[in-house]
Amino acid sequence: MPSHVLVLGGTTEARALAGELSTRPGTRVTTSLAGRVRRPGAVAGEMRVGGFGGARGLTDWLREQRVDAVVDATHPFAETITANVARAATATGLPLVVLRRPGWRPGPGDHWHPVPSLEAAAGLLPRLGHRILLTTGRLGLAAFAHLTESHFVARSVEPPEPPMPPHTHVLLARGPFTVAGETALLREHRVDVLVTKDSGGAATAAKLTAARDLGLPVVVVRRPPLPDGVTAVEDVPAALHRLDTLTRP
């Protein structure tokens, strides 16, 4: 294994990977968080918070800190960060591993409407329903701000940033969520359509089951594509194996 690994992300997978790497003798692991969550949980090894200043700043940091390999374990929708990491890895010649949990897949009884963006999701809503549970995070509510006749429940870990739709009830909550809890939430607010990003993972998947059980349509924003030439692994063991493979003499 390399002696210094930079792990980018605040995902569950990033924390698990840092924990595994920190147990390996002679391996230094630094986990970098974007700083969007005010109270991030503890991670194994070293932790830094904040941006690098784009691809150029990250390139300089990798060289200054004598990093030997980089793991991008950021959120599947952290498109800008992933692009900067790919450019910095190329500039420094360092091995890069991209770790992405598998996306969700519709099953029997699901009524999904896949869309490429939040703007496209907003365009669908008037013909699907007017009481919407919005679980796309605290950023991007501006895409729905023009829907003045709709009523939103916007759920996020941190308070969302304006602008936002005029009829919005903000609900601050952090997963994991249960099917019973999500079903009760949908009924309490008389939700008739769910909007979500394809984040994947089990922590927030219960809402999809609840929507299926209630027969509700779900608008699913598809993940952005990875940079050209970049492929991803789906779990921590695969990331460790890829690191071993890339760094083995």
C-alpha atoms as a PDB file:
ATOM      1  CA  MET A   1       0.000   0.000   0.000  1.00  0.00           C
ATOM      2  CA  PRO A   2       1.136   3.605  -0.555  1.00  0.00           C
ATOM      3  CA  SER A   3       2.377   5.495   2.477  1.00  0.00           C
ATOM      4  CA  HIS A   4       0.014   8.487   2.188  1.00  0.00           C
ATOM      5  CA  VAL A   5      -3.531   8.206   0.812  1.00  0.00           C
ATOM      6  CA  LEU A   6      -5.862  11.173   0.366  1.00  0.00           C
ATOM      7  CA  VAL A   7      -9.560  10.242   0.664  1.00  0.00           C
ATOM      8  CA  LEU A   8     -12.003  12.866  -0.541  1.00  0.00           C
ATOM      9  CA  GLY A   9     -15.526  12.723   0.781  1.00  0.00           C
ATOM     10  CA  GLY A  10     -17.847  12.652   3.755  1.00  0.00           C
ATOM     11  CA  THR A  11     -19.809   9.623   2.643  1.00  0.00           C
ATOM     12  CA  THR A  12     -20.290   6.475   4.695  1.00  0.00           C
ATOM     13  CA  GLU A  13     -17.982   4.670   2.292  1.00  0.00           C
ATOM     14  CA  ALA A  14     -15.248   7.292   2.702  1.00  0.00           C
ATOM     15  CA  ARG A  15     -15.303   6.889   6.474  1.00  0.00           C
ATOM     16  CA  ALA A  16     -15.219   3.107   6.235  1.00  0.00           C
ATOM     17  CA  LEU A  17     -12.308   3.234   3.800  1.00  0.00           C
ATOM     18  CA  ALA A  18     -10.345   5.613   6.028  1.00  0.00           C
ATOM     19  CA  GLY A  19     -10.907   3.228   8.917  1.00  0.00           C
ATOM     20  CA  GLU A  20      -9.554   0.288   6.920  1.00  0.00           C
ATOM     21  CA  LEU A  21      -6.537   2.203   5.635  1.00  0.00           C
ATOM     22  CA  SER A  22      -5.636   3.538   9.075  1.00  0.00           C
ATOM     23  CA  THR A  23      -5.155  -0.011  10.382  1.00  0.00           C
ATOM     24  CA  ARG A  24      -2.452  -0.775   7.821  1.00  0.00           C
ATOM     25  CA  PRO A  25       1.047  -0.317   9.221  1.00  0.00           C
ATOM     26  CA  GLY A  26       2.998   2.457   7.563  1.00  0.00           C
ATOM     27  CA  THR A  27      -0.030   3.996   5.878  1.00  0.00           C
ATOM     28  CA  ARG A  28      -0.980   7.604   6.522  1.00  0.00           C
ATOM     29  CA  VAL A  29      -4.533   8.514   5.560  1.00  0.00           C
ATOM     30  CA  THR A  30      -5.962  12.021   5.246  1.00  0.00           C
ATOM     31  CA  THR A  31      -9.705  12.503   4.735  1.00  0.00           C
ATOM     32  CA  SER A  32     -10.766  15.793   3.168  1.00  0.00           C
ATOM     33  CA  LEU A  33     -14.283  17.140   3.752  1.00  0.00           C
ATOM     34  CA  ALA A  34     -15.850  19.965   1.766  1.00  0.00           C
ATOM     35  CA  GLY A  35     -17.085  21.719   4.923  1.00  0.00           C
ATOM     36  CA  ARG A  36     -20.770  21.877   3.989  1.00  0.00           C
ATOM     37  CA  VAL A  37     -21.815  20.053   7.158  1.00  0.00           C
ATOM     38  CA  ARG A  38     -21.190  22.075  10.299  1.00  0.00           C
ATOM     39  CA  ARG A  39     -20.499  19.144  12.604  1.00  0.00           C
ATOM     40  CA  PRO A  40     -18.880  16.338  10.650  1.00  0.00           C
ATOM     41  CA  GLY A  41     -18.443  13.043  12.428  1.00  0.00           C
ATOM     42  CA  ALA A  42     -15.043  11.748  13.427  1.00  0.00           C
ATOM     43  CA  VAL A  43     -12.944   9.870  10.888  1.00  0.00           C
ATOM     44  CA  ALA A  44      -9.930   7.626  11.329  1.00  0.00           C
ATOM     45  CA  GLY A  45      -6.562   9.183  10.584  1.00  0.00           C
ATOM     46  CA  GLU A  46      -6.146  12.872   9.776  1.00  0.00           C
ATOM     47  CA  MET A  47      -8.954  15.168   8.662  1.00  0.00           C
ATOM     48  CA  ARG A  48      -8.945  18.457   6.770  1.00  0.00           C
ATOM     49  CA  VAL A  49     -11.975  20.622   6.036  1.00  0.00           C
ATOM     50  CA  GLY A  50     -12.462  23.004   3.125  1.00  0.00           C
ATOM     51  CA  GLY A  51     -11.663  23.263  -0.563  1.00  0.00           C
ATOM     52  CA  PHE A  52      -8.268  23.181  -2.246  1.00  0.00           C
ATOM     53  CA  GLY A  53      -8.764  25.999  -4.730  1.00  0.00           C
ATOM     54  CA  GLY A  54      -9.694  23.964  -7.777  1.00  0.00           C
ATOM     55  CA  ALA A  55      -7.624  21.422  -9.674  1.00  0.00           C
ATOM     56  CA  ARG A  56      -4.488  23.583  -9.529  1.00  0.00           C
ATOM     57  CA  GLY A  57      -4.705  24.012  -5.759  1.00  0.00           C
ATOM     58  CA  LEU A  58      -5.283  20.301  -5.266  1.00  0.00           C
ATOM     59  CA  THR A  59      -2.317  19.493  -7.504  1.00  0.00           C
ATOM     60  CA  ASP A  60      -0.078  21.702  -5.380  1.00  0.00           C
ATOM     61  CA  TRP A  61      -1.398  20.163  -2.146  1.00  0.00           C
ATOM     62  CA  LEU A  62      -0.798  16.616  -3.362  1.00  0.00           C
ATOM     63  CA  ARG A  63       2.806  17.467  -4.125  1.00  0.00           C
ATOM     64  CA  GLU A  64       3.408  19.395  -0.903  1.00  0.00           C
ATOM     65  CA  GLN A  65       1.954  16.617   1.253  1.00  0.00           C
ATOM     66  CA  ARG A  66       3.740  13.845  -0.686  1.00  0.00           C
ATOM     67  CA  VAL A  67       0.535  11.974  -1.379  1.00  0.00           C
ATOM     68  CA  ASP A  68       0.992   8.579  -3.045  1.00  0.00           C
ATOM     69  CA  ALA A  69      -2.602   7.775  -4.099  1.00  0.00           C
ATOM     70  CA  VAL A  70      -5.995   9.495  -4.202  1.00  0.00           C
ATOM     71  CA  VAL A  71      -9.464   8.081  -3.559  1.00  0.00           C
ATOM     72  CA  ASP A  72     -12.479  10.109  -4.655  1.00  0.00           C
ATOM     73  CA  ALA A  73     -15.276   8.881  -2.367  1.00  0.00           C
ATOM     74  CA  THR A  74     -17.367  12.040  -2.616  1.00  0.00           C
ATOM     75  CA  HIS A  75     -21.124  12.157  -3.176  1.00  0.00           C
ATOM     76  CA  PRO A  76     -22.201  10.869  -6.616  1.00  0.00           C
ATOM     77  CA  PHE A  77     -23.394  14.394  -7.457  1.00  0.00           C
ATOM     78  CA  ALA A  78     -20.150  16.186  -6.478  1.00  0.00           C
ATOM     79  CA  GLU A  79     -19.413  16.643 -10.179  1.00  0.00           C
ATOM     80  CA  THR A  80     -17.021  19.595  -9.892  1.00  0.00           C
ATOM     81  CA  ILE A  81     -14.905  17.952  -7.193  1.00  0.00           C
ATOM     82  CA  THR A  82     -14.632  14.735  -9.188  1.00  0.00           C
ATOM     83  CA  ALA A  83     -13.499  16.629 -12.289  1.00  0.00           C
ATOM     84  CA  ASN A  84     -10.864  18.531 -10.292  1.00  0.00           C
ATOM     85  CA  VAL A  85      -9.590  15.333  -8.689  1.00  0.00           C
ATOM     86  CA  ALA A  86      -9.235  13.636 -12.075  1.00  0.00           C
ATOM     87  CA  ARG A  87      -7.261  16.585 -13.467  1.00  0.00           C
ATOM     88  CA  ALA A  88      -5.022  16.769 -10.393  1.00  0.00           C
ATOM     89  CA  ALA A  89      -4.314  13.040 -10.487  1.00  0.00           C
ATOM     90  CA  THR A  90      -3.359  13.304 -14.135  1.00  0.00           C
ATOM     91  CA  ALA A  91      -1.125  16.306 -13.482  1.00  0.00           C
ATOM     92  CA  THR A  92       0.736  14.546 -10.669  1.00  0.00           C
ATOM     93  CA  GLY A  93       0.716  11.071 -12.171  1.00  0.00           C
ATOM     94  CA  LEU A  94      -0.852   9.633  -9.019  1.00  0.00           C
ATOM     95  CA  PRO A  95      -3.103   6.553  -8.937  1.00  0.00           C
ATOM     96  CA  LEU A  96      -6.778   7.529  -8.667  1.00  0.00           C
ATOM     97  CA  VAL A  97      -9.579   5.328  -7.346  1.00  0.00           C
ATOM     98  CA  VAL A  98     -13.192   6.519  -7.595  1.00  0.00           C
ATOM     99  CA  LEU A  99     -15.514   4.909  -5.058  1.00  0.00           C
ATOM    100  CA  ARG A 100     -19.254   5.212  -5.769  1.00  0.00           C
ATOM    101  CA  ARG A 101     -21.996   3.236  -4.086  1.00  0.00           C
ATOM    102  CA  PRO A 102     -24.373   1.599  -6.602  1.00  0.00           C
ATOM    103  CA  GLY A 103     -27.324   3.663  -7.727  1.00  0.00           C
ATOM    104  CA  TRP A 104     -30.922   2.709  -7.043  1.00  0.00           C
ATOM    105  CA  ARG A 105     -32.927   0.613  -9.503  1.00  0.00           C
ATOM    106  CA  PRO A 106     -36.715   0.622  -9.914  1.00  0.00           C
ATOM    107  CA  GLY A 107     -38.592  -2.543  -9.120  1.00  0.00           C
ATOM    108  CA  PRO A 108     -42.090  -3.901  -9.678  1.00  0.00           C
ATOM    109  CA  GLY A 109     -44.705  -1.390  -8.584  1.00  0.00           C
ATOM    110  CA  ASP A 110     -42.406   1.636  -8.831  1.00  0.00           C
ATOM    111  CA  HIS A 111     -43.533   4.679 -10.809  1.00  0.00           C
ATOM    112  CA  TRP A 112     -40.223   6.394 -11.536  1.00  0.00           C
ATOM    113  CA  HIS A 113     -39.585   9.337 -13.835  1.00  0.00           C
ATOM    114  CA  PRO A 114     -35.818   9.595 -14.503  1.00  0.00           C
ATOM    115  CA  VAL A 115     -34.590  13.089 -15.423  1.00  0.00           C
ATOM    116  CA  PRO A 116     -31.134  14.542 -16.156  1.00  0.00           C
ATOM    117  CA  SER A 117     -31.311  17.586 -13.868  1.00  0.00           C
ATOM    118  CA  LEU A 118     -33.181  19.438 -11.131  1.00  0.00           C
ATOM    119  CA  GLU A 119     -34.551  21.808 -13.773  1.00  0.00           C
ATOM    120  CA  ALA A 120     -35.997  18.872 -15.681  1.00  0.00           C
ATOM    121  CA  ALA A 121     -37.503  17.553 -12.447  1.00  0.00           C
ATOM    122  CA  ALA A 122     -39.197  20.914 -11.857  1.00  0.00           C
ATOM    123  CA  GLY A 123     -40.617  20.815 -15.370  1.00  0.00           C
ATOM    124  CA  LEU A 124     -42.375  17.498 -14.687  1.00  0.00           C
ATOM    125  CA  LEU A 125     -43.961  18.376 -11.358  1.00  0.00           C
ATOM    126  CA  PRO A 126     -47.048  20.373 -12.467  1.00  0.00           C
ATOM    127  CA  ARG A 127     -48.487  17.313 -14.213  1.00  0.00           C
ATOM    128  CA  LEU A 128     -47.515  14.824 -11.502  1.00  0.00           C
ATOM    129  CA  GLY A 129     -48.672  16.535  -8.318  1.00  0.00           C
ATOM    130  CA  HIS A 130     -48.662  19.686  -6.219  1.00  0.00           C
ATOM    131  CA  ARG A 131     -47.574  18.452  -2.789  1.00  0.00           C
ATOM    132  CA  ILE A 132     -43.953  17.448  -3.113  1.00  0.00           C
ATOM    133  CA  LEU A 133     -41.390  15.887  -0.809  1.00  0.00           C
ATOM    134  CA  LEU A 134     -38.052  17.267  -2.025  1.00  0.00           C
ATOM    135  CA  THR A 135     -35.028  15.266  -0.864  1.00  0.00           C
ATOM    136  CA  THR A 136     -32.335  16.650  -3.166  1.00  0.00           C
ATOM    137  CA  GLY A 137     -30.232  18.342  -0.480  1.00  0.00           C
ATOM    138  CA  ARG A 138     -29.929  21.923   0.666  1.00  0.00           C
ATOM    139  CA  LEU A 139     -28.542  23.190  -2.643  1.00  0.00           C
ATOM    140  CA  GLY A 140     -30.576  23.592  -5.806  1.00  0.00           C
ATOM    141  CA  LEU A 141     -33.961  24.663  -4.487  1.00  0.00           C
ATOM    142  CA  ALA A 142     -33.761  27.621  -6.870  1.00  0.00           C
ATOM    143  CA  ALA A 143     -34.690  25.213  -9.672  1.00  0.00           C
ATOM    144  CA  PHE A 144     -38.161  24.909  -8.091  1.00  0.00           C
ATOM    145  CA  ALA A 145     -38.623  28.524  -6.977  1.00  0.00           C
ATOM    146  CA  HIS A 146     -40.930  29.381  -9.903  1.00  0.00           C
ATOM    147  CA  LEU A 147     -43.487  26.739  -8.875  1.00  0.00           C
ATOM    148  CA  THR A 148     -45.600  29.164  -6.866  1.00  0.00           C
ATOM    149  CA  GLU A 149     -48.713  26.962  -6.864  1.00  0.00           C
ATOM    150  CA  SER A 150     -46.990  23.890  -5.425  1.00  0.00           C
ATOM    151  CA  HIS A 151     -46.370  23.032  -1.789  1.00  0.00           C
ATOM    152  CA  PHE A 152     -42.990  21.577  -0.849  1.00  0.00           C
ATOM    153  CA  VAL A 153     -41.524  19.737   2.091  1.00  0.00           C
ATOM    154  CA  ALA A 154     -37.766  20.206   1.649  1.00  0.00           C
ATOM    155  CA  ARG A 155     -35.744  17.793   3.743  1.00  0.00           C
ATOM    156  CA  SER A 156     -32.007  18.203   4.252  1.00  0.00           C
ATOM    157  CA  VAL A 157     -29.315  17.814   6.893  1.00  0.00           C
ATOM    158  CA  GLU A 158     -28.471  21.533   6.898  1.00  0.00           C
ATOM    159  CA  PRO A 159     -30.827  24.502   6.281  1.00  0.00           C
ATOM    160  CA  PRO A 160     -31.343  24.960   2.516  1.00  0.00           C
ATOM    161  CA  GLU A 161     -30.093  28.037   0.722  1.00  0.00           C
ATOM    162  CA  PRO A 162     -32.479  30.526  -0.924  1.00  0.00           C
ATOM    163  CA  PRO A 163     -34.077  31.162  -3.302  1.00  0.00           C
ATOM    164  CA  MET A 164     -36.712  28.499  -2.778  1.00  0.00           C
ATOM    165  CA  PRO A 165     -40.399  28.036  -3.607  1.00  0.00           C
ATOM    166  CA  PRO A 166     -42.719  30.353  -1.664  1.00  0.00           C
ATOM    167  CA  HIS A 167     -44.695  27.474  -0.116  1.00  0.00           C
ATOM    168  CA  THR A 168     -41.876  25.457   1.440  1.00  0.00           C
ATOM    169  CA  HIS A 169     -41.762  23.673   4.774  1.00  0.00           C
ATOM    170  CA  VAL A 170     -38.147  22.949   5.722  1.00  0.00           C
ATOM    171  CA  LEU A 171     -37.527  19.686   7.564  1.00  0.00           C
ATOM    172  CA  LEU A 172     -34.036  19.146   9.007  1.00  0.00           C
ATOM    173  CA  ALA A 173     -33.236  15.459   9.425  1.00  0.00           C
ATOM    174  CA  ARG A 174     -30.400  13.029   8.896  1.00  0.00           C
ATOM    175  CA  GLY A 175     -30.746   9.388   7.852  1.00  0.00           C
ATOM    176  CA  PRO A 176     -30.943   6.509   8.149  1.00  0.00           C
ATOM    177  CA  PHE A 177     -34.716   6.535   7.785  1.00  0.00           C
ATOM    178  CA  THR A 178     -37.240   3.704   8.163  1.00  0.00           C
ATOM    179  CA  VAL A 179     -40.069   2.714   5.856  1.00  0.00           C
ATOM    180  CA  ALA A 180     -42.591   3.273   8.664  1.00  0.00           C
ATOM    181  CA  GLY A 181     -41.223   6.732   9.350  1.00  0.00           C
ATOM    182  CA  GLU A 182     -41.168   7.707   5.677  1.00  0.00           C
ATOM    183  CA  THR A 183     -44.706   6.425   5.163  1.00  0.00           C
ATOM    184  CA  ALA A 184     -45.925   8.471   8.117  1.00  0.00           C
ATOM    185  CA  LEU A 185     -44.151  11.571   6.752  1.00  0.00           C
ATOM    186  CA  LEU A 186     -45.709  11.200   3.306  1.00  0.00           C
ATOM    187  CA  ARG A 187     -49.173  10.776   4.811  1.00  0.00           C
ATOM    188  CA  GLU A 188     -48.820  13.593   7.333  1.00  0.00           C
ATOM    189  CA  HIS A 189     -47.941  16.130   4.624  1.00  0.00           C
ATOM    190  CA  ARG A 190     -50.311  14.610   2.060  1.00  0.00           C
ATOM    191  CA  VAL A 191     -47.434  14.254  -0.392  1.00  0.00           C
ATOM    192  CA  ASP A 192     -48.404  13.177  -3.903  1.00  0.00           C
ATOM    193  CA  VAL A 193     -44.957  13.115  -5.546  1.00  0.00           C
ATOM    194  CA  LEU A 194     -41.396  12.495  -4.348  1.00  0.00           C
ATOM    195  CA  VAL A 195     -38.294  14.119  -5.877  1.00  0.00           C
ATOM    196  CA  THR A 196     -34.872  12.654  -5.145  1.00  0.00           C
ATOM    197  CA  LYS A 197     -31.383  12.329  -6.540  1.00  0.00           C
ATOM    198  CA  ASP A 198     -30.038   8.871  -7.308  1.00  0.00           C
ATOM    199  CA  SER A 199     -27.693   8.910  -4.328  1.00  0.00           C
ATOM    200  CA  GLY A 200     -27.829   5.164  -3.770  1.00  0.00           C
ATOM    201  CA  GLY A 201     -27.225   3.419  -0.473  1.00  0.00           C
ATOM    202  CA  ALA A 202     -29.527   2.065   2.196  1.00  0.00           C
ATOM    203  CA  ALA A 203     -29.625   5.060   4.567  1.00  0.00           C
ATOM    204  CA  THR A 204     -32.179   7.036   2.527  1.00  0.00           C
ATOM    205  CA  ALA A 205     -33.731   4.293   0.376  1.00  0.00           C
ATOM    206  CA  ALA A 206     -36.748   3.782   2.659  1.00  0.00           C
ATOM    207  CA  LYS A 207     -38.562   6.705   1.036  1.00  0.00           C
ATOM    208  CA  LEU A 208     -38.592   4.793  -2.260  1.00  0.00           C
ATOM    209  CA  THR A 209     -40.274   1.807  -0.622  1.00  0.00           C
ATOM    210  CA  ALA A 210     -42.775   4.070   1.115  1.00  0.00           C
ATOM    211  CA  ALA A 211     -43.605   5.832  -2.168  1.00  0.00           C
ATOM    212  CA  ARG A 212     -44.061   2.466  -3.902  1.00  0.00           C
ATOM    213  CA  ASP A 213     -46.383   1.215  -1.164  1.00  0.00           C
ATOM    214  CA  LEU A 214     -48.485   4.377  -1.423  1.00  0.00           C
ATOM    215  CA  GLY A 215     -48.505   4.338  -5.236  1.00  0.00           C
ATOM    216  CA  LEU A 216     -46.738   7.708  -5.531  1.00  0.00           C
ATOM    217  CA  PRO A 217     -44.708   8.830  -8.549  1.00  0.00           C
ATOM    218  CA  VAL A 218     -41.000   9.419  -7.941  1.00  0.00           C
ATOM    219  CA  VAL A 219     -38.900  11.845  -9.962  1.00  0.00           C
ATOM    220  CA  VAL A 220     -35.307  10.580  -9.897  1.00  0.00           C
ATOM    221  CA  VAL A 221     -32.442  12.858 -10.954  1.00  0.00           C
ATOM    222  CA  ARG A 222     -29.815  10.740 -12.702  1.00  0.00           C
ATOM    223  CA  ARG A 223     -26.159  10.905 -11.677  1.00  0.00           C
ATOM    224  CA  PRO A 224     -23.763  13.026 -13.715  1.00  0.00           C
ATOM    225  CA  PRO A 225     -21.286  11.003 -15.794  1.00  0.00           C
ATOM    226  CA  LEU A 226     -17.727  10.442 -14.598  1.00  0.00           C
ATOM    227  CA  PRO A 227     -14.896  12.233 -16.429  1.00  0.00           C
ATOM    228  CA  ASP A 228     -13.633  10.568 -19.590  1.00  0.00           C
ATOM    229  CA  GLY A 229     -11.423   7.600 -18.884  1.00  0.00           C
ATOM    230  CA  VAL A 230     -12.459   7.316 -15.224  1.00  0.00           C
ATOM    231  CA  THR A 231     -14.194   4.204 -13.908  1.00  0.00           C
ATOM    232  CA  ALA A 232     -15.568   3.581 -10.435  1.00  0.00           C
ATOM    233  CA  VAL A 233     -15.627   0.742  -7.925  1.00  0.00           C
ATOM    234  CA  GLU A 234     -18.739   0.140  -5.842  1.00  0.00           C
ATOM    235  CA  ASP A 235     -17.536  -0.750  -2.341  1.00  0.00           C
ATOM    236  CA  VAL A 236     -14.669  -0.483   0.129  1.00  0.00           C
ATOM    237  CA  PRO A 237     -13.136  -3.935  -0.515  1.00  0.00           C
ATOM    238  CA  ALA A 238     -13.025  -3.167  -4.239  1.00  0.00           C
ATOM    239  CA  ALA A 239     -11.399   0.202  -3.535  1.00  0.00           C
ATOM    240  CA  LEU A 240      -8.735  -1.440  -1.384  1.00  0.00           C
ATOM    241  CA  HIS A 241      -8.088  -4.020  -4.095  1.00  0.00           C
ATOM    242  CA  ARG A 242      -7.817  -1.296  -6.739  1.00  0.00           C
ATOM    243  CA  LEU A 243      -5.338   0.608  -4.577  1.00  0.00           C
ATOM    244  CA  ASP A 244      -3.262  -2.523  -4.144  1.00  0.00           C
ATOM    245  CA  THR A 245      -3.331  -3.155  -7.874  1.00  0.00           C
ATOM    246  CA  LEU A 246      -2.473   0.400  -8.919  1.00  0.00           C
ATOM    247  CA  THR A 247       0.376   0.840  -6.469  1.00  0.00           C
ATOM    248  CA  ARG A 248       1.947  -2.630  -6.628  1.00  0.00           C
ATOM    249  CA  PRO A 249       5.443  -2.461  -8.195  1.00  0.00           C
END
